[in-house]
Amino acid sequence: MSKVVFKPGTMVNPVPVVMVSCGDQPADYNIITIAWTGIVNSEPPMTYISVRKSRHSHSIIEKSGEFVINLCTEKLAQTTDYCGVKSGREINKFKERKLTPVPGQHVRCPMIQEAPVNIECRVKEVHHYPSHDMFVADILAVHAEEGLLNENGKLELERAGLICYSHGDYYGLQKKPIGKFGFSVMKPKTKKRIVAETRMSSNRKK
């Protein structure tokens, strides 16, 4: 298979796309759309966001040491894009996009009520790079829409209509999963049991 060689670039795709809310006073509340984000540790749970030094939210997060990661859906796609191209220096994004700021439990910055999942974060380290600064943070709490929980209390994010970002475009994540973690080494008996449980769960929802 022949391949084309490109110069070095940000070609790890797709990536999550989230709205990050920040500001410890209502007058400073802001939202920035971030694609450079992910998990850096599981115990304790830690995440990161990389923010351009020139962005308005950069100085807010640097000063407060807190932010909230709000997961984005297809319904919020236009708002997600808007919050990425417009600057909070000029407009109030909560007001312009009719989003609802709600208080978290551990941070002073607001969560976005309309997002299905909100992740409260407190900055632990800052790594400085030429174009972006990486804010590494502890995850303090996760808030999820109650309607996304099944009868066993499991969070079914696949029903949230989440979106991702790939090389300049937004995509929905609506396709069925290819397999669960570990399916490549799963015993036939275990696989059969999981298939049966999935069918039973699906029938109960109809």
C-alpha atoms as a PDB file:
ATOM      1  CA  MET A   1       0.000   0.000   0.000  1.00  0.00           C
ATOM      2  CA  SER A   2       1.546   3.293  -1.093  1.00  0.00           C
ATOM      3  CA  LYS A   3       1.379   6.320   1.183  1.00  0.00           C
ATOM      4  CA  VAL A   4       1.841  10.054   0.815  1.00  0.00           C
ATOM      5  CA  VAL A   5       4.220  11.793   3.220  1.00  0.00           C
ATOM      6  CA  PHE A   6       3.150  15.114   4.743  1.00  0.00           C
ATOM      7  CA  LYS A   7       5.192  17.607   6.731  1.00  0.00           C
ATOM      8  CA  PRO A   8       4.772  17.426  10.539  1.00  0.00           C
ATOM      9  CA  GLY A   9       1.310  18.536  11.615  1.00  0.00           C
ATOM     10  CA  THR A  10      -1.590  18.035  14.008  1.00  0.00           C
ATOM     11  CA  MET A  11      -2.895  14.926  12.272  1.00  0.00           C
ATOM     12  CA  VAL A  12      -4.164  12.878  15.208  1.00  0.00           C
ATOM     13  CA  ASN A  13      -7.837  12.685  14.247  1.00  0.00           C
ATOM     14  CA  PRO A  14     -10.632  12.547  15.227  1.00  0.00           C
ATOM     15  CA  VAL A  15     -10.392  14.314  18.572  1.00  0.00           C
ATOM     16  CA  PRO A  16     -13.000  15.334  21.158  1.00  0.00           C
ATOM     17  CA  VAL A  17     -14.553  18.757  20.816  1.00  0.00           C
ATOM     18  CA  VAL A  18     -15.751  20.398  24.033  1.00  0.00           C
ATOM     19  CA  MET A  19     -16.875  23.757  25.301  1.00  0.00           C
ATOM     20  CA  VAL A  20     -14.766  24.896  28.244  1.00  0.00           C
ATOM     21  CA  SER A  21     -16.422  27.364  30.595  1.00  0.00           C
ATOM     22  CA  CYS A  22     -14.380  29.586  32.884  1.00  0.00           C
ATOM     23  CA  GLY A  23     -14.440  32.718  35.037  1.00  0.00           C
ATOM     24  CA  ASP A  24     -14.939  33.063  38.780  1.00  0.00           C
ATOM     25  CA  GLN A  25     -17.283  36.061  38.589  1.00  0.00           C
ATOM     26  CA  PRO A  26     -20.438  36.437  36.436  1.00  0.00           C
ATOM     27  CA  ALA A  27     -18.881  39.426  34.669  1.00  0.00           C
ATOM     28  CA  ASP A  28     -15.947  37.216  33.630  1.00  0.00           C
ATOM     29  CA  TYR A  29     -17.876  34.100  32.556  1.00  0.00           C
ATOM     30  CA  ASN A  30     -16.676  32.865  29.195  1.00  0.00           C
ATOM     31  CA  ILE A  31     -16.740  29.814  26.936  1.00  0.00           C
ATOM     32  CA  ILE A  32     -14.005  28.581  24.613  1.00  0.00           C
ATOM     33  CA  THR A  33     -14.257  25.628  22.248  1.00  0.00           C
ATOM     34  CA  ILE A  34     -11.349  23.214  22.634  1.00  0.00           C
ATOM     35  CA  ALA A  35     -10.277  20.225  20.543  1.00  0.00           C
ATOM     36  CA  TRP A  36      -6.926  19.640  22.248  1.00  0.00           C
ATOM     37  CA  THR A  37      -8.159  17.802  25.330  1.00  0.00           C
ATOM     38  CA  GLY A  38      -8.072  14.327  26.808  1.00  0.00           C
ATOM     39  CA  ILE A  39      -7.222  12.158  29.811  1.00  0.00           C
ATOM     40  CA  VAL A  40      -3.698  12.042  31.248  1.00  0.00           C
ATOM     41  CA  ASN A  41      -4.226   9.828  34.314  1.00  0.00           C
ATOM     42  CA  SER A  42      -6.880   7.545  35.777  1.00  0.00           C
ATOM     43  CA  GLU A  43      -6.072   7.367  39.505  1.00  0.00           C
ATOM     44  CA  PRO A  44      -6.473  10.140  40.430  1.00  0.00           C
ATOM     45  CA  PRO A  45      -8.483  11.164  37.364  1.00  0.00           C
ATOM     46  CA  MET A  46      -6.729  13.975  35.505  1.00  0.00           C
ATOM     47  CA  THR A  47      -7.367  15.783  32.252  1.00  0.00           C
ATOM     48  CA  TYR A  48      -5.873  18.608  30.218  1.00  0.00           C
ATOM     49  CA  ILE A  49      -6.791  21.379  27.811  1.00  0.00           C
ATOM     50  CA  SER A  50      -4.357  23.176  25.524  1.00  0.00           C
ATOM     51  CA  VAL A  51      -5.221  26.840  24.950  1.00  0.00           C
ATOM     52  CA  ARG A  52      -3.612  29.377  22.639  1.00  0.00           C
ATOM     53  CA  LYS A  53      -1.848  32.093  24.627  1.00  0.00           C
ATOM     54  CA  SER A  54      -3.733  34.779  22.693  1.00  0.00           C
ATOM     55  CA  ARG A  55      -7.200  33.529  23.620  1.00  0.00           C
ATOM     56  CA  HIS A  56      -9.278  35.483  26.117  1.00  0.00           C
ATOM     57  CA  SER A  57      -9.973  32.335  28.157  1.00  0.00           C
ATOM     58  CA  HIS A  58      -6.256  31.681  28.587  1.00  0.00           C
ATOM     59  CA  SER A  59      -5.770  34.564  31.003  1.00  0.00           C
ATOM     60  CA  ILE A  60      -9.028  33.741  32.827  1.00  0.00           C
ATOM     61  CA  ILE A  61      -8.027  30.125  33.446  1.00  0.00           C
ATOM     62  CA  GLU A  62      -4.459  31.110  34.279  1.00  0.00           C
ATOM     63  CA  LYS A  63      -5.744  33.515  36.934  1.00  0.00           C
ATOM     64  CA  SER A  64      -8.531  31.390  38.450  1.00  0.00           C
ATOM     65  CA  GLY A  65      -6.916  27.960  38.119  1.00  0.00           C
ATOM     66  CA  GLU A  66     -10.289  26.383  37.347  1.00  0.00           C
ATOM     67  CA  PHE A  67     -12.439  25.398  34.374  1.00  0.00           C
ATOM     68  CA  VAL A  68     -15.303  23.099  33.397  1.00  0.00           C
ATOM     69  CA  ILE A  69     -15.236  20.761  30.391  1.00  0.00           C
ATOM     70  CA  ASN A  70     -18.721  20.548  28.854  1.00  0.00           C
ATOM     71  CA  LEU A  71     -19.306  17.740  26.349  1.00  0.00           C
ATOM     72  CA  CYS A  72     -20.925  18.784  23.069  1.00  0.00           C
ATOM     73  CA  THR A  73     -23.763  17.260  21.072  1.00  0.00           C
ATOM     74  CA  GLU A  74     -25.102  17.505  17.536  1.00  0.00           C
ATOM     75  CA  LYS A  75     -27.805  19.820  18.868  1.00  0.00           C
ATOM     76  CA  LEU A  76     -25.076  22.098  20.244  1.00  0.00           C
ATOM     77  CA  ALA A  77     -22.830  21.872  17.164  1.00  0.00           C
ATOM     78  CA  GLN A  78     -23.517  25.382  15.866  1.00  0.00           C
ATOM     79  CA  THR A  79     -23.080  26.859  19.333  1.00  0.00           C
ATOM     80  CA  THR A  80     -19.875  24.857  19.750  1.00  0.00           C
ATOM     81  CA  ASP A  81     -18.473  26.336  16.561  1.00  0.00           C
ATOM     82  CA  TYR A  82     -19.641  29.841  17.466  1.00  0.00           C
ATOM     83  CA  CYS A  83     -17.872  29.709  20.830  1.00  0.00           C
ATOM     84  CA  GLY A  84     -14.694  28.713  19.004  1.00  0.00           C
ATOM     85  CA  VAL A  85     -14.609  31.550  16.485  1.00  0.00           C
ATOM     86  CA  LYS A  86     -16.023  34.437  18.529  1.00  0.00           C
ATOM     87  CA  SER A  87     -14.036  36.148  21.286  1.00  0.00           C
ATOM     88  CA  GLY A  88     -15.311  36.660  24.810  1.00  0.00           C
ATOM     89  CA  ARG A  89     -13.511  40.013  24.820  1.00  0.00           C
ATOM     90  CA  GLU A  90     -16.297  41.329  22.589  1.00  0.00           C
ATOM     91  CA  ILE A  91     -19.448  39.395  23.482  1.00  0.00           C
ATOM     92  CA  ASN A  92     -21.132  37.422  26.252  1.00  0.00           C
ATOM     93  CA  LYS A  93     -21.337  33.932  24.737  1.00  0.00           C
ATOM     94  CA  PHE A  94     -23.768  32.643  27.357  1.00  0.00           C
ATOM     95  CA  LYS A  95     -26.175  35.441  26.450  1.00  0.00           C
ATOM     96  CA  GLU A  96     -25.611  35.310  22.686  1.00  0.00           C
ATOM     97  CA  ARG A  97     -26.197  31.541  22.447  1.00  0.00           C
ATOM     98  CA  LYS A  98     -28.893  31.401  25.149  1.00  0.00           C
ATOM     99  CA  LEU A  99     -26.876  29.049  27.324  1.00  0.00           C
ATOM    100  CA  THR A 100     -27.525  28.672  31.037  1.00  0.00           C
ATOM    101  CA  PRO A 101     -24.630  29.070  33.510  1.00  0.00           C
ATOM    102  CA  VAL A 102     -25.141  26.879  36.578  1.00  0.00           C
ATOM    103  CA  PRO A 103     -22.882  26.515  39.630  1.00  0.00           C
ATOM    104  CA  GLY A 104     -20.692  23.495  40.165  1.00  0.00           C
ATOM    105  CA  GLN A 105     -19.914  21.882  43.496  1.00  0.00           C
ATOM    106  CA  HIS A 106     -16.170  22.473  43.640  1.00  0.00           C
ATOM    107  CA  VAL A 107     -15.263  25.338  41.301  1.00  0.00           C
ATOM    108  CA  ARG A 108     -16.393  28.921  41.005  1.00  0.00           C
ATOM    109  CA  CYS A 109     -16.681  28.923  37.222  1.00  0.00           C
ATOM    110  CA  PRO A 110     -20.040  27.970  35.686  1.00  0.00           C
ATOM    111  CA  MET A 111     -21.146  24.739  34.086  1.00  0.00           C
ATOM    112  CA  ILE A 112     -23.282  24.811  30.911  1.00  0.00           C
ATOM    113  CA  GLN A 113     -26.716  23.441  31.758  1.00  0.00           C
ATOM    114  CA  GLU A 114     -27.480  22.455  28.158  1.00  0.00           C
ATOM    115  CA  ALA A 115     -24.437  20.157  27.897  1.00  0.00           C
ATOM    116  CA  PRO A 116     -25.142  16.502  28.760  1.00  0.00           C
ATOM    117  CA  VAL A 117     -21.974  16.113  30.831  1.00  0.00           C
ATOM    118  CA  ASN A 118     -19.993  18.686  32.829  1.00  0.00           C
ATOM    119  CA  ILE A 119     -16.552  17.952  34.279  1.00  0.00           C
ATOM    120  CA  GLU A 120     -15.272  20.213  37.049  1.00  0.00           C
ATOM    121  CA  CYS A 121     -11.505  20.722  36.900  1.00  0.00           C
ATOM    122  CA  ARG A 122      -8.822  22.423  38.966  1.00  0.00           C
ATOM    123  CA  VAL A 123      -5.451  23.239  37.390  1.00  0.00           C
ATOM    124  CA  LYS A 124      -2.538  21.299  38.832  1.00  0.00           C
ATOM    125  CA  GLU A 125       0.252  22.130  36.367  1.00  0.00           C
ATOM    126  CA  VAL A 126       0.809  24.399  33.374  1.00  0.00           C
ATOM    127  CA  HIS A 127       3.141  23.390  30.562  1.00  0.00           C
ATOM    128  CA  HIS A 128       4.224  26.206  28.267  1.00  0.00           C
ATOM    129  CA  TYR A 129       4.727  25.558  24.554  1.00  0.00           C
ATOM    130  CA  PRO A 130       5.283  27.885  21.571  1.00  0.00           C
ATOM    131  CA  SER A 131       1.657  28.137  20.389  1.00  0.00           C
ATOM    132  CA  HIS A 132      -0.359  26.735  23.304  1.00  0.00           C
ATOM    133  CA  ASP A 133      -0.175  26.297  27.050  1.00  0.00           C
ATOM    134  CA  MET A 134      -1.352  22.966  28.439  1.00  0.00           C
ATOM    135  CA  PHE A 135      -3.400  23.192  31.629  1.00  0.00           C
ATOM    136  CA  VAL A 136      -3.204  19.815  33.380  1.00  0.00           C
ATOM    137  CA  ALA A 137      -5.990  19.490  35.930  1.00  0.00           C
ATOM    138  CA  ASP A 138      -7.525  17.238  38.544  1.00  0.00           C
ATOM    139  CA  ILE A 139     -11.075  16.109  37.787  1.00  0.00           C
ATOM    140  CA  LEU A 140     -13.096  17.064  40.862  1.00  0.00           C
ATOM    141  CA  ALA A 141     -16.588  15.937  39.838  1.00  0.00           C
ATOM    142  CA  VAL A 142     -18.588  14.757  36.834  1.00  0.00           C
ATOM    143  CA  HIS A 143     -22.201  15.841  36.345  1.00  0.00           C
ATOM    144  CA  ALA A 144     -24.337  13.836  33.890  1.00  0.00           C
ATOM    145  CA  GLU A 145     -27.865  14.314  32.590  1.00  0.00           C
ATOM    146  CA  GLU A 146     -30.110  11.978  34.548  1.00  0.00           C
ATOM    147  CA  GLY A 147     -31.926  10.846  31.400  1.00  0.00           C
ATOM    148  CA  LEU A 148     -28.722   9.242  30.111  1.00  0.00           C
ATOM    149  CA  LEU A 149     -28.641   6.698  32.931  1.00  0.00           C
ATOM    150  CA  ASN A 150     -30.137   3.268  32.309  1.00  0.00           C
ATOM    151  CA  GLU A 151     -32.159   1.249  34.813  1.00  0.00           C
ATOM    152  CA  ASN A 152     -28.933  -0.004  36.409  1.00  0.00           C
ATOM    153  CA  GLY A 153     -27.497   3.484  36.831  1.00  0.00           C
ATOM    154  CA  LYS A 154     -24.977   3.080  34.007  1.00  0.00           C
ATOM    155  CA  LEU A 155     -24.213   6.199  31.984  1.00  0.00           C
ATOM    156  CA  GLU A 156     -25.060   5.576  28.312  1.00  0.00           C
ATOM    157  CA  LEU A 157     -23.167   8.359  26.562  1.00  0.00           C
ATOM    158  CA  GLU A 158     -23.932   6.820  23.178  1.00  0.00           C
ATOM    159  CA  ARG A 159     -27.452   8.237  23.564  1.00  0.00           C
ATOM    160  CA  ALA A 160     -26.215  11.804  24.065  1.00  0.00           C
ATOM    161  CA  GLY A 161     -25.487  12.467  20.384  1.00  0.00           C
ATOM    162  CA  LEU A 162     -21.908  13.559  21.031  1.00  0.00           C
ATOM    163  CA  ILE A 163     -19.704  15.078  18.330  1.00  0.00           C
ATOM    164  CA  CYS A 164     -16.015  15.027  17.521  1.00  0.00           C
ATOM    165  CA  TYR A 165     -13.667  17.126  15.375  1.00  0.00           C
ATOM    166  CA  SER A 166     -11.593  15.838  12.479  1.00  0.00           C
ATOM    167  CA  HIS A 167      -9.335  17.956  10.268  1.00  0.00           C
ATOM    168  CA  GLY A 168     -11.581  21.020  10.268  1.00  0.00           C
ATOM    169  CA  ASP A 169     -14.986  19.281  10.320  1.00  0.00           C
ATOM    170  CA  TYR A 170     -17.460  18.258  13.020  1.00  0.00           C
ATOM    171  CA  TYR A 171     -18.860  14.719  12.986  1.00  0.00           C
ATOM    172  CA  GLY A 172     -21.600  12.998  14.947  1.00  0.00           C
ATOM    173  CA  LEU A 173     -20.885   9.768  16.823  1.00  0.00           C
ATOM    174  CA  GLN A 174     -24.052   7.869  16.002  1.00  0.00           C
ATOM    175  CA  LYS A 175     -22.740   4.576  14.616  1.00  0.00           C
ATOM    176  CA  LYS A 176     -23.012   1.399  16.651  1.00  0.00           C
ATOM    177  CA  PRO A 177     -19.870   0.269  18.519  1.00  0.00           C
ATOM    178  CA  ILE A 178     -17.565  -2.193  16.785  1.00  0.00           C
ATOM    179  CA  GLY A 179     -16.815  -3.979  20.034  1.00  0.00           C
ATOM    180  CA  LYS A 180     -16.223  -3.537  23.753  1.00  0.00           C
ATOM    181  CA  PHE A 181     -12.807  -3.223  25.357  1.00  0.00           C
ATOM    182  CA  GLY A 182     -11.151  -6.651  25.299  1.00  0.00           C
ATOM    183  CA  PHE A 183     -13.412  -8.098  22.580  1.00  0.00           C
ATOM    184  CA  SER A 184     -10.386  -9.279  20.585  1.00  0.00           C
ATOM    185  CA  VAL A 185      -9.547 -11.887  23.258  1.00  0.00           C
ATOM    186  CA  MET A 186     -13.056 -12.563  24.518  1.00  0.00           C
ATOM    187  CA  LYS A 187     -14.091 -16.184  25.029  1.00  0.00           C
ATOM    188  CA  PRO A 188     -17.044 -17.317  22.845  1.00  0.00           C
ATOM    189  CA  LYS A 189     -19.143 -18.073  25.942  1.00  0.00           C
ATOM    190  CA  THR A 190     -18.594 -14.552  27.300  1.00  0.00           C
ATOM    191  CA  LYS A 191     -19.338 -12.981  23.918  1.00  0.00           C
ATOM    192  CA  LYS A 192     -22.606 -14.947  23.677  1.00  0.00           C
ATOM    193  CA  ARG A 193     -23.661 -13.792  27.142  1.00  0.00           C
ATOM    194  CA  ILE A 194     -22.955 -10.130  26.354  1.00  0.00           C
ATOM    195  CA  VAL A 195     -24.902 -10.318  23.084  1.00  0.00           C
ATOM    196  CA  ALA A 196     -27.879 -11.805  24.940  1.00  0.00           C
ATOM    197  CA  GLU A 197     -27.747  -9.104  27.636  1.00  0.00           C
ATOM    198  CA  THR A 198     -27.562  -6.370  24.992  1.00  0.00           C
ATOM    199  CA  ARG A 199     -30.619  -7.734  23.200  1.00  0.00           C
ATOM    200  CA  MET A 200     -32.596  -7.933  26.436  1.00  0.00           C
ATOM    201  CA  SER A 201     -31.677  -4.345  27.305  1.00  0.00           C
ATOM    202  CA  SER A 202     -32.636  -3.175  23.808  1.00  0.00           C
ATOM    203  CA  ASN A 203     -36.014  -4.931  23.985  1.00  0.00           C
ATOM    204  CA  ARG A 204     -36.808  -3.304  27.342  1.00  0.00           C
ATOM    205  CA  LYS A 205     -36.299   0.147  25.807  1.00  0.00           C
ATOM    206  CA  LYS A 206     -38.756  -0.472  22.949  1.00  0.00           C
END
